[in-house]
Amino acid sequence: MLLKDMLNQSAPLDRTFQALADPTRRAIVERLSREPVSVSDLARPLAMSLPAVMQHLAVLEASGLVRSEKVGRVRLCRIAPEALSLAEHWIHARRAEWERRLDRLGDYLDTLKKDGDGNGSGE
């Protein structure tokens, strides 16, 4: 990925990670990953007021992780899985880089071990 692409994605990626940094918002995302749920149903198991839940939902919506729509008198919330793909891609790229580095380290250690064995070190 080019640096320019990374810089263009940093604001949405930052919002995603900031939204997911809070345990309440992660619980909401987890709940919504199973099925769409009304705001009142989301708030029911949480130990906070409805306005506090609404603030968490506002952060999740601003990050693009959650969408909500008014259906009659009920506000229905659902996960926006495509928003997670940016974070998933970023994490995958970091993992791939570290796997490559660890592979190179392993190769280097194997080379040292072989060189040590070939020099009559007796190990």
N, C-alpha and C. Protein backbone atom coordinates (compact mmCIF):
# COMPACT_ATOMS: atom_id res chain seq x y z
N MET A 1 0.85 -1.17 0.00
CA MET A 1 0.00 0.00 0.00
C MET A 1 0.90 1.24 0.00
N LEU A 2 0.58 2.17 -0.82
CA LEU A 2 1.36 3.39 -0.91
C LEU A 2 1.09 4.30 0.27
N LEU A 3 2.09 5.11 0.64
CA LEU A 3 1.94 6.04 1.75
C LEU A 3 0.76 6.97 1.52
N LYS A 4 0.61 7.45 0.28
CA LYS A 4 -0.51 8.35 -0.04
C LYS A 4 -1.85 7.69 0.26
N ASP A 5 -1.99 6.41 -0.11
CA ASP A 5 -3.23 5.68 0.18
C ASP A 5 -3.45 5.56 1.68
N MET A 6 -2.36 5.29 2.42
CA MET A 6 -2.48 5.15 3.87
C MET A 6 -2.91 6.46 4.50
N LEU A 7 -2.35 7.58 4.04
CA LEU A 7 -2.72 8.88 4.59
C LEU A 7 -4.17 9.21 4.28
N ASN A 8 -4.64 8.85 3.09
CA ASN A 8 -6.03 9.10 2.72
C ASN A 8 -6.99 8.27 3.57
N GLN A 9 -6.54 7.12 4.05
CA GLN A 9 -7.40 6.25 4.84
C GLN A 9 -7.26 6.48 6.34
N SER A 10 -6.30 7.30 6.75
CA SER A 10 -6.02 7.39 8.18
C SER A 10 -7.19 7.96 8.96
N ALA A 11 -7.90 8.97 8.47
CA ALA A 11 -9.03 9.53 9.23
C ALA A 11 -10.14 8.50 9.43
N PRO A 12 -10.61 7.81 8.39
CA PRO A 12 -11.63 6.78 8.63
C PRO A 12 -11.12 5.64 9.52
N LEU A 13 -9.86 5.26 9.33
CA LEU A 13 -9.28 4.20 10.15
C LEU A 13 -9.17 4.64 11.60
N ASP A 14 -8.75 5.89 11.81
CA ASP A 14 -8.68 6.43 13.17
C ASP A 14 -10.06 6.41 13.82
N ARG A 15 -11.09 6.84 13.09
CA ARG A 15 -12.45 6.85 13.65
C ARG A 15 -12.90 5.44 14.00
N THR A 16 -12.56 4.47 13.15
CA THR A 16 -12.94 3.08 13.42
C THR A 16 -12.29 2.58 14.70
N PHE A 17 -10.97 2.77 14.81
CA PHE A 17 -10.28 2.29 16.00
C PHE A 17 -10.70 3.06 17.25
N GLN A 18 -10.94 4.35 17.13
CA GLN A 18 -11.42 5.13 18.28
C GLN A 18 -12.79 4.62 18.73
N ALA A 19 -13.64 4.33 17.78
CA ALA A 19 -14.97 3.81 18.12
C ALA A 19 -14.87 2.45 18.81
N LEU A 20 -13.96 1.61 18.32
CA LEU A 20 -13.83 0.27 18.89
C LEU A 20 -13.00 0.24 20.17
N ALA A 21 -12.40 1.37 20.54
CA ALA A 21 -11.57 1.42 21.75
C ALA A 21 -12.40 1.32 23.02
N ASP A 22 -13.67 1.64 22.93
CA ASP A 22 -14.52 1.65 24.11
C ASP A 22 -15.23 0.30 24.27
N PRO A 23 -15.19 -0.30 25.47
CA PRO A 23 -15.81 -1.62 25.66
C PRO A 23 -17.32 -1.62 25.43
N THR A 24 -17.99 -0.54 25.77
CA THR A 24 -19.44 -0.48 25.54
C THR A 24 -19.74 -0.51 24.05
N ARG A 25 -18.97 0.25 23.27
CA ARG A 25 -19.20 0.27 21.83
C ARG A 25 -18.85 -1.08 21.20
N ARG A 26 -17.81 -1.74 21.72
CA ARG A 26 -17.50 -3.09 21.21
C ARG A 26 -18.65 -4.04 21.53
N ALA A 27 -19.25 -3.91 22.71
CA ALA A 27 -20.39 -4.76 23.07
C ALA A 27 -21.57 -4.50 22.13
N ILE A 28 -21.78 -3.24 21.79
CA ILE A 28 -22.86 -2.90 20.87
C ILE A 28 -22.59 -3.50 19.49
N VAL A 29 -21.36 -3.37 19.01
CA VAL A 29 -20.99 -3.95 17.70
C VAL A 29 -21.17 -5.46 17.74
N GLU A 30 -20.75 -6.08 18.82
CA GLU A 30 -20.90 -7.53 18.97
C GLU A 30 -22.38 -7.93 18.90
N ARG A 31 -23.21 -7.20 19.61
CA ARG A 31 -24.65 -7.48 19.61
C ARG A 31 -25.24 -7.30 18.22
N LEU A 32 -24.86 -6.22 17.55
CA LEU A 32 -25.40 -5.95 16.22
C LEU A 32 -24.85 -6.90 15.16
N SER A 33 -23.74 -7.54 15.44
CA SER A 33 -23.19 -8.48 14.45
C SER A 33 -24.07 -9.72 14.32
N ARG A 34 -24.93 -9.95 15.31
CA ARG A 34 -25.85 -11.09 15.25
C ARG A 34 -27.11 -10.78 14.48
N GLU A 35 -27.64 -9.55 14.67
CA GLU A 35 -28.88 -9.16 14.00
C GLU A 35 -29.16 -7.68 14.25
N PRO A 36 -29.94 -7.05 13.40
CA PRO A 36 -30.36 -5.67 13.67
C PRO A 36 -31.20 -5.62 14.95
N VAL A 37 -31.04 -4.54 15.71
CA VAL A 37 -31.71 -4.43 17.00
C VAL A 37 -32.17 -2.98 17.20
N SER A 38 -33.26 -2.82 17.90
CA SER A 38 -33.74 -1.47 18.23
C SER A 38 -32.82 -0.86 19.29
N VAL A 39 -32.83 0.47 19.34
CA VAL A 39 -32.01 1.17 20.33
C VAL A 39 -32.41 0.76 21.74
N SER A 40 -33.68 0.65 22.01
CA SER A 40 -34.11 0.26 23.36
C SER A 40 -33.65 -1.15 23.72
N ASP A 41 -33.67 -2.07 22.75
CA ASP A 41 -33.17 -3.43 23.01
C ASP A 41 -31.65 -3.42 23.23
N LEU A 42 -30.95 -2.55 22.51
CA LEU A 42 -29.50 -2.42 22.72
C LEU A 42 -29.21 -1.88 24.11
N ALA A 43 -30.01 -0.93 24.55
CA ALA A 43 -29.76 -0.27 25.84
C ALA A 43 -30.11 -1.16 27.03
N ARG A 44 -31.06 -2.06 26.84
CA ARG A 44 -31.59 -2.85 27.97
C ARG A 44 -30.50 -3.54 28.80
N PRO A 45 -29.55 -4.29 28.22
CA PRO A 45 -28.57 -4.98 29.07
C PRO A 45 -27.41 -4.09 29.54
N LEU A 46 -27.32 -2.88 29.02
CA LEU A 46 -26.21 -1.99 29.38
C LEU A 46 -26.56 -1.21 30.65
N ALA A 47 -25.58 -1.06 31.51
CA ALA A 47 -25.78 -0.35 32.78
C ALA A 47 -25.57 1.15 32.59
N MET A 48 -26.43 1.75 31.74
CA MET A 48 -26.35 3.20 31.49
C MET A 48 -27.68 3.70 30.98
N SER A 49 -27.80 4.99 30.96
CA SER A 49 -29.05 5.61 30.51
C SER A 49 -29.20 5.50 28.99
N LEU A 50 -30.41 5.67 28.54
CA LEU A 50 -30.67 5.66 27.09
C LEU A 50 -29.91 6.78 26.38
N PRO A 51 -29.85 8.01 26.94
CA PRO A 51 -29.05 9.05 26.28
C PRO A 51 -27.57 8.68 26.15
N ALA A 52 -27.03 7.97 27.14
CA ALA A 52 -25.62 7.55 27.07
C ALA A 52 -25.44 6.52 25.94
N VAL A 53 -26.38 5.60 25.82
CA VAL A 53 -26.32 4.62 24.73
C VAL A 53 -26.40 5.34 23.39
N MET A 54 -27.27 6.34 23.32
CA MET A 54 -27.41 7.11 22.07
C MET A 54 -26.09 7.81 21.71
N GLN A 55 -25.37 8.29 22.70
CA GLN A 55 -24.06 8.92 22.42
C GLN A 55 -23.08 7.89 21.86
N HIS A 56 -23.08 6.70 22.43
CA HIS A 56 -22.21 5.63 21.90
C HIS A 56 -22.60 5.28 20.46
N LEU A 57 -23.89 5.20 20.22
CA LEU A 57 -24.37 4.91 18.86
C LEU A 57 -23.97 6.02 17.89
N ALA A 58 -23.99 7.25 18.35
CA ALA A 58 -23.58 8.37 17.48
C ALA A 58 -22.11 8.23 17.08
N VAL A 59 -21.27 7.82 18.00
CA VAL A 59 -19.85 7.60 17.69
C VAL A 59 -19.71 6.47 16.68
N LEU A 60 -20.44 5.38 16.91
CA LEU A 60 -20.38 4.23 16.00
C LEU A 60 -20.90 4.59 14.61
N GLU A 61 -21.94 5.40 14.55
CA GLU A 61 -22.47 5.84 13.25
C GLU A 61 -21.49 6.77 12.55
N ALA A 62 -20.87 7.68 13.30
CA ALA A 62 -19.90 8.61 12.71
C ALA A 62 -18.69 7.86 12.15
N SER A 63 -18.36 6.74 12.77
CA SER A 63 -17.22 5.94 12.29
C SER A 63 -17.61 5.08 11.09
N GLY A 64 -18.91 4.95 10.84
CA GLY A 64 -19.38 4.12 9.73
C GLY A 64 -19.60 2.67 10.11
N LEU A 65 -19.41 2.32 11.37
CA LEU A 65 -19.56 0.93 11.79
C LEU A 65 -21.02 0.51 11.96
N VAL A 66 -21.88 1.49 12.24
CA VAL A 66 -23.30 1.19 12.51
C VAL A 66 -24.16 2.14 11.69
N ARG A 67 -25.27 1.61 11.23
CA ARG A 67 -26.29 2.42 10.56
C ARG A 67 -27.59 2.26 11.32
N SER A 68 -28.36 3.32 11.33
CA SER A 68 -29.67 3.20 11.97
C SER A 68 -30.72 3.84 11.06
N GLU A 69 -31.93 3.35 11.22
CA GLU A 69 -33.04 3.89 10.44
C GLU A 69 -34.28 3.85 11.30
N LYS A 70 -35.14 4.79 11.05
CA LYS A 70 -36.40 4.85 11.77
C LYS A 70 -37.40 3.95 11.04
N VAL A 71 -37.94 2.99 11.76
CA VAL A 71 -38.96 2.08 11.22
C VAL A 71 -40.19 2.25 12.10
N GLY A 72 -41.12 3.04 11.61
CA GLY A 72 -42.29 3.38 12.43
C GLY A 72 -41.84 4.26 13.58
N ARG A 73 -42.10 3.81 14.80
CA ARG A 73 -41.69 4.57 15.99
C ARG A 73 -40.39 4.05 16.58
N VAL A 74 -39.78 3.09 15.93
CA VAL A 74 -38.58 2.43 16.47
C VAL A 74 -37.37 2.78 15.63
N ARG A 75 -36.25 3.06 16.29
CA ARG A 75 -34.98 3.26 15.59
C ARG A 75 -34.25 1.93 15.60
N LEU A 76 -34.06 1.37 14.41
CA LEU A 76 -33.42 0.08 14.24
C LEU A 76 -31.96 0.28 13.85
N CYS A 77 -31.07 -0.40 14.54
CA CYS A 77 -29.63 -0.29 14.28
C CYS A 77 -29.12 -1.60 13.67
N ARG A 78 -28.15 -1.45 12.77
CA ARG A 78 -27.53 -2.63 12.16
C ARG A 78 -26.06 -2.34 11.94
N ILE A 79 -25.31 -3.41 11.91
CA ILE A 79 -23.86 -3.30 11.67
C ILE A 79 -23.63 -2.96 10.20
N ALA A 80 -22.57 -2.25 9.93
CA ALA A 80 -22.16 -1.96 8.55
C ALA A 80 -20.84 -2.71 8.32
N PRO A 81 -20.92 -3.96 7.90
CA PRO A 81 -19.71 -4.80 7.83
C PRO A 81 -18.62 -4.24 6.91
N GLU A 82 -19.01 -3.50 5.89
CA GLU A 82 -18.00 -2.97 4.97
C GLU A 82 -17.07 -1.98 5.67
N ALA A 83 -17.55 -1.34 6.73
CA ALA A 83 -16.71 -0.40 7.46
C ALA A 83 -15.59 -1.12 8.21
N LEU A 84 -15.83 -2.35 8.58
CA LEU A 84 -14.79 -3.12 9.26
C LEU A 84 -13.69 -3.56 8.31
N SER A 85 -13.97 -3.56 7.01
CA SER A 85 -12.97 -4.06 6.06
C SER A 85 -11.71 -3.20 6.03
N LEU A 86 -11.83 -1.91 6.24
CA LEU A 86 -10.65 -1.04 6.26
C LEU A 86 -9.74 -1.42 7.43
N ALA A 87 -10.33 -1.60 8.62
CA ALA A 87 -9.54 -2.00 9.79
C ALA A 87 -8.97 -3.41 9.58
N GLU A 88 -9.77 -4.29 9.02
CA GLU A 88 -9.31 -5.65 8.76
C GLU A 88 -8.13 -5.64 7.80
N HIS A 89 -8.19 -4.83 6.76
CA HIS A 89 -7.10 -4.74 5.79
C HIS A 89 -5.84 -4.20 6.45
N TRP A 90 -5.99 -3.18 7.29
CA TRP A 90 -4.84 -2.59 7.98
C TRP A 90 -4.18 -3.62 8.90
N ILE A 91 -4.99 -4.34 9.67
CA ILE A 91 -4.47 -5.36 10.59
C ILE A 91 -3.80 -6.47 9.80
N HIS A 92 -4.42 -6.91 8.73
CA HIS A 92 -3.85 -7.97 7.90
C HIS A 92 -2.49 -7.56 7.34
N ALA A 93 -2.38 -6.32 6.88
CA ALA A 93 -1.10 -5.83 6.33
C ALA A 93 -0.02 -5.83 7.41
N ARG A 94 -0.37 -5.43 8.64
CA ARG A 94 0.61 -5.45 9.73
C ARG A 94 1.03 -6.89 10.04
N ARG A 95 0.05 -7.79 10.10
CA ARG A 95 0.35 -9.19 10.38
C ARG A 95 1.25 -9.78 9.31
N ALA A 96 0.95 -9.50 8.06
CA ALA A 96 1.76 -10.03 6.96
C ALA A 96 3.20 -9.51 7.04
N GLU A 97 3.36 -8.23 7.37
CA GLU A 97 4.70 -7.66 7.50
C GLU A 97 5.47 -8.34 8.62
N TRP A 98 4.84 -8.55 9.76
CA TRP A 98 5.54 -9.20 10.86
C TRP A 98 5.82 -10.67 10.56
N GLU A 99 4.95 -11.34 9.85
CA GLU A 99 5.23 -12.72 9.46
C GLU A 99 6.44 -12.79 8.54
N ARG A 100 6.54 -11.83 7.59
CA ARG A 100 7.71 -11.78 6.71
C ARG A 100 8.98 -11.54 7.51
N ARG A 101 8.91 -10.62 8.47
CA ARG A 101 10.08 -10.33 9.29
C ARG A 101 10.50 -11.54 10.12
N LEU A 102 9.53 -12.22 10.71
CA LEU A 102 9.85 -13.40 11.50
C LEU A 102 10.39 -14.52 10.63
N ASP A 103 9.87 -14.66 9.42
CA ASP A 103 10.41 -15.65 8.48
C ASP A 103 11.87 -15.35 8.16
N ARG A 104 12.17 -14.06 7.90
CA ARG A 104 13.56 -13.67 7.60
C ARG A 104 14.46 -13.92 8.81
N LEU A 105 13.96 -13.64 10.01
CA LEU A 105 14.73 -13.89 11.22
C LEU A 105 15.00 -15.38 11.36
N GLY A 106 13.98 -16.19 11.12
CA GLY A 106 14.16 -17.64 11.19
C GLY A 106 15.19 -18.12 10.19
N ASP A 107 15.12 -17.60 8.97
CA ASP A 107 16.12 -17.97 7.95
C ASP A 107 17.51 -17.56 8.39
N TYR A 108 17.63 -16.37 8.94
CA TYR A 108 18.93 -15.88 9.41
C TYR A 108 19.47 -16.76 10.53
N LEU A 109 18.61 -17.12 11.49
CA LEU A 109 19.04 -17.98 12.59
C LEU A 109 19.45 -19.36 12.09
N ASP A 110 18.72 -19.89 11.09
CA ASP A 110 19.10 -21.16 10.48
C ASP A 110 20.47 -21.07 9.84
N THR A 111 20.73 -19.95 9.15
CA THR A 111 22.03 -19.73 8.51
C THR A 111 23.13 -19.68 9.56
N LEU A 112 22.91 -18.97 10.65
CA LEU A 112 23.90 -18.90 11.73
C LEU A 112 24.17 -20.28 12.32
N LYS A 113 23.09 -21.03 12.49
CA LYS A 113 23.23 -22.38 13.05
C LYS A 113 24.05 -23.26 12.11
N LYS A 114 23.74 -23.19 10.80
CA LYS A 114 24.48 -23.99 9.81
C LYS A 114 25.93 -23.55 9.74
N ASP A 115 26.18 -22.25 9.73
CA ASP A 115 27.54 -21.72 9.70
C ASP A 115 28.31 -22.16 10.93
N GLY A 116 27.64 -22.14 12.07
CA GLY A 116 28.29 -22.58 13.32
C GLY A 116 28.62 -24.05 13.28
N ASP A 117 27.72 -24.89 12.73
CA ASP A 117 27.97 -26.32 12.61
C ASP A 117 29.09 -26.59 11.63
N GLY A 118 29.17 -25.81 10.56
CA GLY A 118 30.19 -26.01 9.51
C GLY A 118 31.57 -25.55 9.93
N ASN A 119 31.68 -24.75 10.98
CA ASN A 119 32.97 -24.24 11.42
C ASN A 119 33.60 -25.09 12.51
N GLY A 120 33.02 -26.25 12.72
CA GLY A 120 33.59 -27.15 13.70
C GLY A 120 33.36 -26.72 15.14
N SER A 121 32.29 -26.03 15.39
CA SER A 121 32.02 -25.58 16.75
C SER A 121 31.60 -26.72 17.68
N GLY A 122 31.20 -27.85 17.08
CA GLY A 122 30.85 -29.02 17.87
C GLY A 122 29.46 -28.98 18.47
N GLU A 123 28.68 -28.02 18.14
CA GLU A 123 27.31 -27.94 18.70
C GLU A 123 26.33 -28.69 17.88
